[in-house]
Protein backbone atom coordinates (compact mmCIF):
# COMPACT_ATOMS: atom_id res chain seq x y z
CA MET A 1 57.26 6.23 67.88
CA ALA A 2 54.32 4.06 67.03
CA GLN A 3 55.34 2.62 63.44
CA LYS A 4 52.79 0.68 61.41
CA THR A 5 53.16 -0.79 58.33
CA VAL A 6 50.24 -1.08 55.63
CA VAL A 7 50.29 -3.94 53.19
CA VAL A 8 47.84 -4.08 50.51
CA GLU A 9 48.32 -7.18 47.69
CA SER A 10 46.43 -6.70 44.43
CA LYS A 11 46.18 -9.07 40.99
CA LEU A 12 45.49 -7.62 37.90
CA GLY A 13 43.12 -10.23 36.04
CA SER A 14 41.24 -10.08 32.76
CA LYS A 15 41.12 -6.55 30.87
CA PHE A 16 41.41 -3.84 33.87
CA VAL A 17 40.09 -5.75 36.86
CA ILE A 18 42.54 -5.69 39.73
CA GLU A 19 41.58 -7.57 42.76
CA SER A 20 42.93 -6.39 46.10
CA ASP A 21 43.23 -8.23 49.38
CA ILE A 22 43.07 -5.72 52.25
CA ARG A 23 43.18 -7.52 55.65
CA GLY A 24 40.93 -9.99 54.36
CA HIS A 25 38.52 -7.67 52.57
CA LYS A 26 38.16 -7.93 48.80
CA ALA A 27 38.21 -4.80 46.97
CA VAL A 28 37.76 -4.61 43.15
CA ILE A 29 39.24 -1.81 40.88
CA ASP A 30 38.23 -1.47 37.23
CA GLN A 31 37.43 1.13 34.61
CA PRO A 32 34.06 2.00 33.14
CA ALA A 33 32.94 0.18 29.96
CA ASN A 34 33.57 2.96 27.67
CA ALA A 35 37.35 2.90 28.82
CA GLY A 36 37.74 -0.75 28.10
CA GLY A 37 36.87 -2.20 31.44
CA THR A 38 33.99 -4.11 32.90
CA ASP A 39 32.97 -1.59 35.34
CA THR A 40 33.04 -3.82 38.23
CA GLY A 41 34.44 -1.16 40.70
CA PRO A 42 35.85 1.86 41.12
CA THR A 43 38.81 3.29 39.38
CA PRO A 44 41.89 3.68 41.03
CA LEU A 45 41.67 7.47 40.81
CA GLU A 46 38.10 7.41 42.41
CA LEU A 47 39.60 5.19 45.27
CA LEU A 48 42.36 7.80 45.79
CA LEU A 49 39.37 10.43 46.49
CA ALA A 50 37.58 7.90 48.61
CA SER A 51 40.56 7.17 50.51
CA LEU A 52 40.92 10.88 51.13
CA ALA A 53 37.20 11.46 52.35
CA GLY A 54 37.61 8.01 54.43
CA CYS A 55 40.53 9.51 56.10
CA ILE A 56 39.02 12.90 56.85
CA GLY A 57 36.01 11.07 58.39
CA THR A 58 37.90 8.73 60.38
CA ILE A 59 40.18 11.37 61.88
CA GLY A 60 37.02 13.63 62.23
CA ARG A 61 35.60 10.68 64.60
CA ILE A 62 38.76 10.52 66.52
CA VAL A 63 38.97 14.55 67.13
CA ALA A 64 35.42 14.55 68.05
CA MET A 65 35.82 11.60 70.48
CA GLN A 66 38.94 13.30 72.08
CA GLN A 67 37.46 16.98 72.33
CA ARG A 68 34.05 15.26 73.55
CA ILE A 69 32.01 16.74 70.51
CA GLU A 70 28.89 14.95 69.89
CA LEU A 71 29.46 14.38 65.91
CA ARG A 72 26.22 13.13 64.38
CA GLY A 73 28.27 12.74 61.21
CA MET A 74 30.11 14.55 58.43
CA ASP A 75 29.24 14.62 54.55
CA ILE A 76 32.31 14.77 52.62
CA LYS A 77 32.98 15.34 48.97
CA VAL A 78 36.20 15.37 47.25
CA GLU A 79 36.79 16.77 43.63
CA GLY A 80 40.02 16.88 41.68
CA SER A 81 40.84 17.39 37.86
CA LEU A 82 43.63 16.01 35.92
CA ASP A 83 44.71 15.66 32.46
CA THR A 84 43.91 12.12 31.02
CA ASP A 85 46.16 12.72 27.96
CA GLY A 86 49.43 12.03 30.27
CA LEU A 87 48.21 8.90 31.59
CA LEU A 88 47.46 7.79 27.96
CA GLY A 89 50.92 8.53 27.11
CA LYS A 90 50.28 11.90 25.09
CA SER A 91 52.37 14.85 25.66
CA ILE A 92 50.87 17.44 28.06
CA ASP A 93 52.23 20.56 29.41
CA GLY A 94 51.18 19.87 33.25
CA ARG A 95 51.60 16.91 35.53
CA VAL A 96 50.28 13.43 34.93
CA GLY A 97 48.35 13.43 38.32
CA PHE A 98 45.57 15.67 39.75
CA GLU A 99 46.34 19.40 39.69
CA GLY A 100 44.84 19.77 43.13
CA PHE A 101 41.96 18.48 45.42
CA THR A 102 38.87 20.40 46.91
CA ILE A 103 37.41 18.75 50.20
CA THR A 104 33.93 20.16 51.01
CA VAL A 105 32.92 18.94 54.47
CA ASP A 106 29.48 19.64 56.04
CA ILE A 107 29.80 18.95 59.93
CA ASP A 108 26.64 17.79 61.60
CA ALA A 109 27.20 18.87 65.22
CA ASP A 110 26.25 21.59 67.59
CA MET A 111 29.34 24.00 67.02
CA THR A 112 29.67 27.42 65.95
CA ASP A 113 30.98 28.39 62.51
CA GLU A 114 34.44 29.31 63.84
CA GLU A 115 34.56 25.88 66.04
CA LYS A 116 33.69 23.97 62.86
CA GLU A 117 36.43 25.83 60.91
CA ALA A 118 38.97 24.91 63.62
CA PHE A 119 37.75 21.39 63.87
CA ILE A 120 38.24 20.76 60.31
CA HIS A 121 41.63 22.24 60.13
CA GLU A 122 42.61 19.94 63.00
CA VAL A 123 41.32 17.26 61.46
CA ASP A 124 43.09 17.70 57.79
CA ALA A 125 46.29 18.64 59.83
CA ARG A 126 46.13 15.01 61.40
CA CYS A 127 44.88 13.18 58.37
CA PRO A 128 47.74 10.84 57.05
CA VAL A 129 46.31 10.57 53.49
CA SER A 130 45.94 14.34 53.20
CA GLU A 131 49.65 14.80 54.42
CA ASN A 132 50.90 12.22 51.93
CA LEU A 133 49.02 14.12 49.26
CA LEU A 134 50.23 17.24 50.33
CA HIS A 135 54.09 16.60 50.68
CA ALA A 136 56.07 14.33 48.24
CA THR A 137 56.27 10.65 49.38
CA PRO A 138 58.73 8.92 47.72
CA CYS A 139 57.35 5.86 45.50
CA HIS A 140 59.93 3.21 44.50
CA VAL A 141 58.28 0.82 42.08
CA LYS A 142 60.53 -2.64 41.66
CA ARG A 143 60.04 -6.03 39.86
CA ALA A 144 59.40 -8.75 41.90
């Protein structure tokens, strides 16, 4: 088994600005100005969707290389809807998180529609982010 541990360290600064150190790369998470933030970066929810799109693209490239497919590129759109009343502490009937995601992928490669369908299903089956969202992954929040 090839086990890998991924670690991201983040700090909440003024207002809603959160700075993360990711393998020496800096990422800024924030809220839009109309939500009390300074709009210096995407929201955590937007980054979740970007992570899903990024994983689909990365695994797409790996699968294409393994299958010797000339993949010129992929356009990936991820959409999700949620009831924001829950995160604001208001009572809701559903869940606090996204109700679901729709991932639309336009594959730029010389493949039939059937081959593209099989390709994207293979990609999704091997995408760790998609798999983590599809199946409950335990989250343990603890005090330092």
